[in-house]
Amino acid sequence: MKKQLMIAGTMLMLASCAKMRSVETHVLEQSYGQACPKPEYVATIWRDADIRGGAYVSTSLRFANLVKEAQEKYGKDVTIQNVRWDLQNGKRRSVVYDVIKCK
């Protein structure tokens, strides 16, 4: 009985320390603009959520902020696609996306 209780306690401690991770993807059907029929690849950007006061702030990973960042860096005629957010415990921690130009 003691051995079973010890194993159960160990499993509970290990499970409580585990971090839940998943991926959230933005697909074309969720887009608010027109689809780009012939996209020209420009770059791939990766970034982490901002850290303020020791805590992650995921507002910097909003779709509008990502488009704005890409346009500031590569010009007003670019947009983004293939957006993948990495989630930890349901909160956005980082993002990877492609910058494209529509021909």
N, C-alpha and C. Protein backbone atom coordinates (compact mmCIF):
# COMPACT_ATOMS: atom_id res chain seq x y z
N MET A 1 0.83 -1.19 0.00
CA MET A 1 0.00 0.00 0.00
C MET A 1 0.88 1.26 0.00
N LYS A 2 1.92 1.24 0.83
CA LYS A 2 2.81 2.40 0.89
C LYS A 2 3.49 2.63 -0.46
N LYS A 3 3.86 1.53 -1.11
CA LYS A 3 4.53 1.63 -2.40
C LYS A 3 3.59 2.23 -3.45
N GLN A 4 2.34 1.82 -3.46
CA GLN A 4 1.36 2.35 -4.40
C GLN A 4 1.10 3.84 -4.13
N LEU A 5 1.01 4.20 -2.87
CA LEU A 5 0.80 5.60 -2.50
C LEU A 5 1.99 6.45 -2.91
N MET A 6 3.19 5.91 -2.74
CA MET A 6 4.41 6.63 -3.13
C MET A 6 4.46 6.83 -4.64
N ILE A 7 4.10 5.80 -5.41
CA ILE A 7 4.08 5.90 -6.87
C ILE A 7 3.03 6.91 -7.32
N ALA A 8 1.85 6.86 -6.72
CA ALA A 8 0.78 7.80 -7.07
C ALA A 8 1.20 9.24 -6.75
N GLY A 9 1.84 9.45 -5.62
CA GLY A 9 2.30 10.79 -5.24
C GLY A 9 3.36 11.31 -6.20
N THR A 10 4.27 10.43 -6.61
CA THR A 10 5.32 10.82 -7.56
C THR A 10 4.71 11.18 -8.90
N MET A 11 3.76 10.38 -9.38
CA MET A 11 3.09 10.66 -10.66
C MET A 11 2.35 11.99 -10.59
N LEU A 12 1.69 12.27 -9.48
CA LEU A 12 0.96 13.52 -9.31
C LEU A 12 1.91 14.71 -9.35
N MET A 13 3.05 14.60 -8.69
CA MET A 13 4.03 15.69 -8.70
C MET A 13 4.58 15.93 -10.10
N LEU A 14 4.87 14.86 -10.82
CA LEU A 14 5.39 15.00 -12.18
C LEU A 14 4.35 15.60 -13.11
N ALA A 15 3.11 15.19 -12.96
CA ALA A 15 2.04 15.70 -13.82
C ALA A 15 1.77 17.18 -13.54
N SER A 16 1.87 17.60 -12.30
CA SER A 16 1.59 18.99 -11.97
C SER A 16 2.70 19.92 -12.45
N CYS A 17 3.90 19.39 -12.66
CA CYS A 17 5.01 20.20 -13.13
C CYS A 17 5.05 20.31 -14.65
N ALA A 18 4.29 19.49 -15.32
CA ALA A 18 4.29 19.50 -16.79
C ALA A 18 3.65 20.78 -17.31
N LYS A 19 4.19 21.31 -18.39
CA LYS A 19 3.64 22.51 -19.02
C LYS A 19 2.87 22.08 -20.26
N MET A 20 1.68 22.57 -20.38
CA MET A 20 0.86 22.24 -21.54
C MET A 20 1.32 23.10 -22.72
N ARG A 21 1.63 22.46 -23.85
CA ARG A 21 2.09 23.17 -25.04
C ARG A 21 1.23 22.76 -26.22
N SER A 22 0.95 23.71 -27.10
CA SER A 22 0.22 23.41 -28.32
C SER A 22 0.54 24.49 -29.35
N VAL A 23 -0.06 24.37 -30.52
CA VAL A 23 0.18 25.30 -31.61
C VAL A 23 -1.16 25.81 -32.12
N GLU A 24 -1.23 27.11 -32.39
CA GLU A 24 -2.42 27.73 -32.97
C GLU A 24 -2.01 28.27 -34.34
N THR A 25 -2.79 27.98 -35.37
CA THR A 25 -2.43 28.36 -36.72
C THR A 25 -3.49 29.26 -37.34
N HIS A 26 -3.07 30.30 -38.03
CA HIS A 26 -3.98 31.17 -38.76
C HIS A 26 -4.07 30.65 -40.18
N VAL A 27 -5.28 30.29 -40.61
CA VAL A 27 -5.46 29.74 -41.96
C VAL A 27 -6.18 30.76 -42.83
N LEU A 28 -6.15 30.53 -44.13
CA LEU A 28 -6.71 31.47 -45.11
C LEU A 28 -8.18 31.76 -44.84
N GLU A 29 -8.96 30.78 -44.41
CA GLU A 29 -10.38 30.98 -44.18
C GLU A 29 -10.65 32.00 -43.07
N GLN A 30 -9.66 32.25 -42.19
CA GLN A 30 -9.82 33.20 -41.11
C GLN A 30 -9.39 34.61 -41.52
N SER A 31 -8.90 34.76 -42.72
CA SER A 31 -8.35 36.04 -43.16
C SER A 31 -9.46 37.04 -43.43
N TYR A 32 -9.19 38.30 -43.17
CA TYR A 32 -10.17 39.36 -43.41
C TYR A 32 -9.94 40.06 -44.74
N GLY A 33 -8.81 39.83 -45.36
CA GLY A 33 -8.50 40.47 -46.64
C GLY A 33 -8.65 39.48 -47.78
N GLN A 34 -8.32 39.94 -48.97
CA GLN A 34 -8.36 39.06 -50.13
C GLN A 34 -7.14 38.15 -50.13
N ALA A 35 -7.35 36.97 -50.68
CA ALA A 35 -6.23 36.04 -50.81
C ALA A 35 -5.30 36.52 -51.90
N CYS A 36 -4.04 36.22 -51.75
CA CYS A 36 -3.03 36.62 -52.73
C CYS A 36 -2.87 35.48 -53.74
N PRO A 37 -3.24 35.70 -55.02
CA PRO A 37 -3.19 34.60 -55.99
C PRO A 37 -1.77 34.13 -56.32
N LYS A 38 -0.80 35.05 -56.40
CA LYS A 38 0.59 34.69 -56.71
C LYS A 38 1.52 35.37 -55.72
N PRO A 39 1.67 34.79 -54.53
CA PRO A 39 2.54 35.42 -53.53
C PRO A 39 4.01 35.27 -53.86
N GLU A 40 4.78 36.30 -53.53
CA GLU A 40 6.24 36.26 -53.67
C GLU A 40 6.82 36.26 -52.26
N TYR A 41 7.56 35.21 -51.92
CA TYR A 41 8.15 35.08 -50.60
C TYR A 41 9.18 36.18 -50.36
N VAL A 42 9.12 36.81 -49.18
CA VAL A 42 10.08 37.86 -48.82
C VAL A 42 10.97 37.39 -47.67
N ALA A 43 10.36 36.92 -46.57
CA ALA A 43 11.14 36.52 -45.40
C ALA A 43 10.28 35.70 -44.45
N THR A 44 10.95 35.04 -43.51
CA THR A 44 10.27 34.38 -42.40
C THR A 44 10.72 35.07 -41.12
N ILE A 45 9.76 35.40 -40.28
CA ILE A 45 10.05 36.11 -39.03
C ILE A 45 9.63 35.24 -37.86
N TRP A 46 10.46 35.21 -36.82
CA TRP A 46 10.18 34.51 -35.58
C TRP A 46 10.36 35.51 -34.45
N ARG A 47 9.44 35.51 -33.50
CA ARG A 47 9.62 36.38 -32.34
C ARG A 47 8.94 35.80 -31.10
N ASP A 48 9.48 36.16 -29.94
CA ASP A 48 8.91 35.77 -28.65
C ASP A 48 7.96 36.85 -28.17
N ALA A 49 7.11 36.50 -27.24
CA ALA A 49 6.27 37.49 -26.57
C ALA A 49 7.17 38.42 -25.76
N ASP A 50 6.75 39.67 -25.62
CA ASP A 50 7.51 40.62 -24.81
C ASP A 50 7.44 40.21 -23.33
N ILE A 51 8.46 40.56 -22.60
CA ILE A 51 8.48 40.29 -21.16
C ILE A 51 8.53 41.63 -20.44
N ARG A 52 7.52 41.86 -19.60
CA ARG A 52 7.47 43.09 -18.80
C ARG A 52 7.23 42.71 -17.35
N GLY A 53 8.08 43.18 -16.49
CA GLY A 53 7.93 42.88 -15.06
C GLY A 53 8.05 41.40 -14.76
N GLY A 54 8.81 40.68 -15.58
CA GLY A 54 9.01 39.26 -15.35
C GLY A 54 7.90 38.37 -15.89
N ALA A 55 6.89 38.97 -16.56
CA ALA A 55 5.77 38.17 -17.09
C ALA A 55 5.68 38.36 -18.60
N TYR A 56 5.22 37.32 -19.29
CA TYR A 56 5.04 37.40 -20.74
C TYR A 56 3.83 38.28 -21.05
N VAL A 57 3.97 39.13 -22.07
CA VAL A 57 2.87 39.97 -22.54
C VAL A 57 2.64 39.60 -24.01
N SER A 58 1.55 38.89 -24.27
CA SER A 58 1.33 38.36 -25.62
C SER A 58 0.63 39.34 -26.55
N THR A 59 0.36 40.58 -26.12
CA THR A 59 -0.29 41.54 -27.01
C THR A 59 0.60 41.87 -28.20
N SER A 60 1.91 41.71 -28.05
CA SER A 60 2.82 41.97 -29.16
C SER A 60 2.70 40.90 -30.25
N LEU A 61 2.03 39.80 -29.96
CA LEU A 61 1.88 38.71 -30.93
C LEU A 61 0.51 38.72 -31.61
N ARG A 62 -0.23 39.81 -31.49
CA ARG A 62 -1.51 39.92 -32.19
C ARG A 62 -1.28 40.04 -33.68
N PHE A 63 -2.25 39.55 -34.46
CA PHE A 63 -2.13 39.52 -35.91
C PHE A 63 -1.86 40.92 -36.48
N ALA A 64 -2.58 41.93 -36.00
CA ALA A 64 -2.40 43.30 -36.49
C ALA A 64 -1.00 43.82 -36.20
N ASN A 65 -0.45 43.49 -35.05
CA ASN A 65 0.91 43.92 -34.70
C ASN A 65 1.95 43.23 -35.59
N LEU A 66 1.69 41.97 -35.94
CA LEU A 66 2.62 41.24 -36.80
C LEU A 66 2.64 41.84 -38.21
N VAL A 67 1.46 42.18 -38.74
CA VAL A 67 1.38 42.82 -40.06
C VAL A 67 2.09 44.17 -40.03
N LYS A 68 1.85 44.94 -38.99
CA LYS A 68 2.48 46.26 -38.86
C LYS A 68 4.01 46.14 -38.82
N GLU A 69 4.51 45.18 -38.05
CA GLU A 69 5.96 44.96 -37.95
C GLU A 69 6.55 44.59 -39.32
N ALA A 70 5.87 43.70 -40.04
CA ALA A 70 6.35 43.28 -41.36
C ALA A 70 6.36 44.46 -42.33
N GLN A 71 5.31 45.29 -42.30
CA GLN A 71 5.24 46.44 -43.21
C GLN A 71 6.27 47.51 -42.87
N GLU A 72 6.57 47.69 -41.61
CA GLU A 72 7.61 48.65 -41.23
C GLU A 72 8.99 48.18 -41.69
N LYS A 73 9.22 46.88 -41.68
CA LYS A 73 10.53 46.34 -42.03
C LYS A 73 10.71 46.14 -43.54
N TYR A 74 9.64 45.72 -44.25
CA TYR A 74 9.76 45.35 -45.66
C TYR A 74 8.94 46.20 -46.62
N GLY A 75 8.23 47.20 -46.13
CA GLY A 75 7.46 48.08 -47.00
C GLY A 75 5.96 47.85 -46.87
N LYS A 76 5.19 48.85 -47.29
CA LYS A 76 3.73 48.83 -47.13
C LYS A 76 3.03 47.82 -48.03
N ASP A 77 3.70 47.32 -49.05
CA ASP A 77 3.04 46.42 -50.01
C ASP A 77 3.18 44.94 -49.63
N VAL A 78 3.58 44.63 -48.39
CA VAL A 78 3.70 43.24 -47.97
C VAL A 78 2.56 42.87 -47.02
N THR A 79 2.34 41.58 -46.89
CA THR A 79 1.40 41.05 -45.92
C THR A 79 2.00 39.78 -45.34
N ILE A 80 1.27 39.09 -44.47
CA ILE A 80 1.82 37.89 -43.85
C ILE A 80 0.90 36.70 -44.07
N GLN A 81 1.50 35.51 -44.03
CA GLN A 81 0.72 34.27 -44.10
C GLN A 81 1.49 33.17 -43.38
N ASN A 82 0.87 31.99 -43.26
CA ASN A 82 1.46 30.84 -42.55
C ASN A 82 1.86 31.20 -41.12
N VAL A 83 0.92 31.80 -40.40
CA VAL A 83 1.18 32.23 -39.02
C VAL A 83 0.96 31.06 -38.08
N ARG A 84 1.98 30.77 -37.24
CA ARG A 84 1.89 29.70 -36.24
C ARG A 84 2.31 30.25 -34.89
N TRP A 85 1.38 30.28 -33.95
CA TRP A 85 1.68 30.70 -32.59
C TRP A 85 1.96 29.48 -31.75
N ASP A 86 3.00 29.53 -30.93
CA ASP A 86 3.27 28.48 -29.95
C ASP A 86 2.58 28.88 -28.65
N LEU A 87 1.75 27.98 -28.14
CA LEU A 87 0.99 28.26 -26.93
C LEU A 87 1.55 27.47 -25.76
N GLN A 88 1.53 28.10 -24.59
CA GLN A 88 1.91 27.41 -23.36
C GLN A 88 0.82 27.72 -22.35
N ASN A 89 0.14 26.69 -21.87
CA ASN A 89 -0.99 26.85 -20.96
C ASN A 89 -2.05 27.79 -21.54
N GLY A 90 -2.26 27.71 -22.84
CA GLY A 90 -3.31 28.50 -23.49
C GLY A 90 -2.91 29.93 -23.84
N LYS A 91 -1.69 30.34 -23.56
CA LYS A 91 -1.25 31.71 -23.83
C LYS A 91 -0.16 31.71 -24.89
N ARG A 92 -0.19 32.70 -25.76
CA ARG A 92 0.80 32.80 -26.84
C ARG A 92 2.17 33.16 -26.28
N ARG A 93 3.19 32.36 -26.66
CA ARG A 93 4.56 32.60 -26.19
C ARG A 93 5.50 33.02 -27.30
N SER A 94 5.27 32.53 -28.53
CA SER A 94 6.11 32.91 -29.66
C SER A 94 5.31 32.69 -30.94
N VAL A 95 5.87 33.22 -32.04
CA VAL A 95 5.18 33.12 -33.33
C VAL A 95 6.21 33.00 -34.45
N VAL A 96 5.83 32.29 -35.51
CA VAL A 96 6.62 32.18 -36.74
C VAL A 96 5.66 32.48 -37.88
N TYR A 97 6.08 33.37 -38.81
CA TYR A 97 5.21 33.68 -39.95
C TYR A 97 6.04 34.10 -41.15
N ASP A 98 5.43 33.96 -42.33
CA ASP A 98 6.07 34.35 -43.58
C ASP A 98 5.58 35.71 -44.02
N VAL A 99 6.50 36.52 -44.53
CA VAL A 99 6.18 37.82 -45.13
C VAL A 99 6.15 37.61 -46.64
N ILE A 100 5.08 38.08 -47.29
CA ILE A 100 4.94 37.91 -48.75
C ILE A 100 4.52 39.21 -49.41
N LYS A 101 4.79 39.30 -50.71
CA LYS A 101 4.30 40.38 -51.57
C LYS A 101 3.33 39.78 -52.55
N CYS A 102 2.23 40.47 -52.81
CA CYS A 102 1.28 40.00 -53.82
C CYS A 102 1.68 40.59 -55.16
N LYS A 103 1.72 39.74 -56.17
CA LYS A 103 2.08 40.20 -57.53
C LYS A 103 0.85 40.67 -58.26
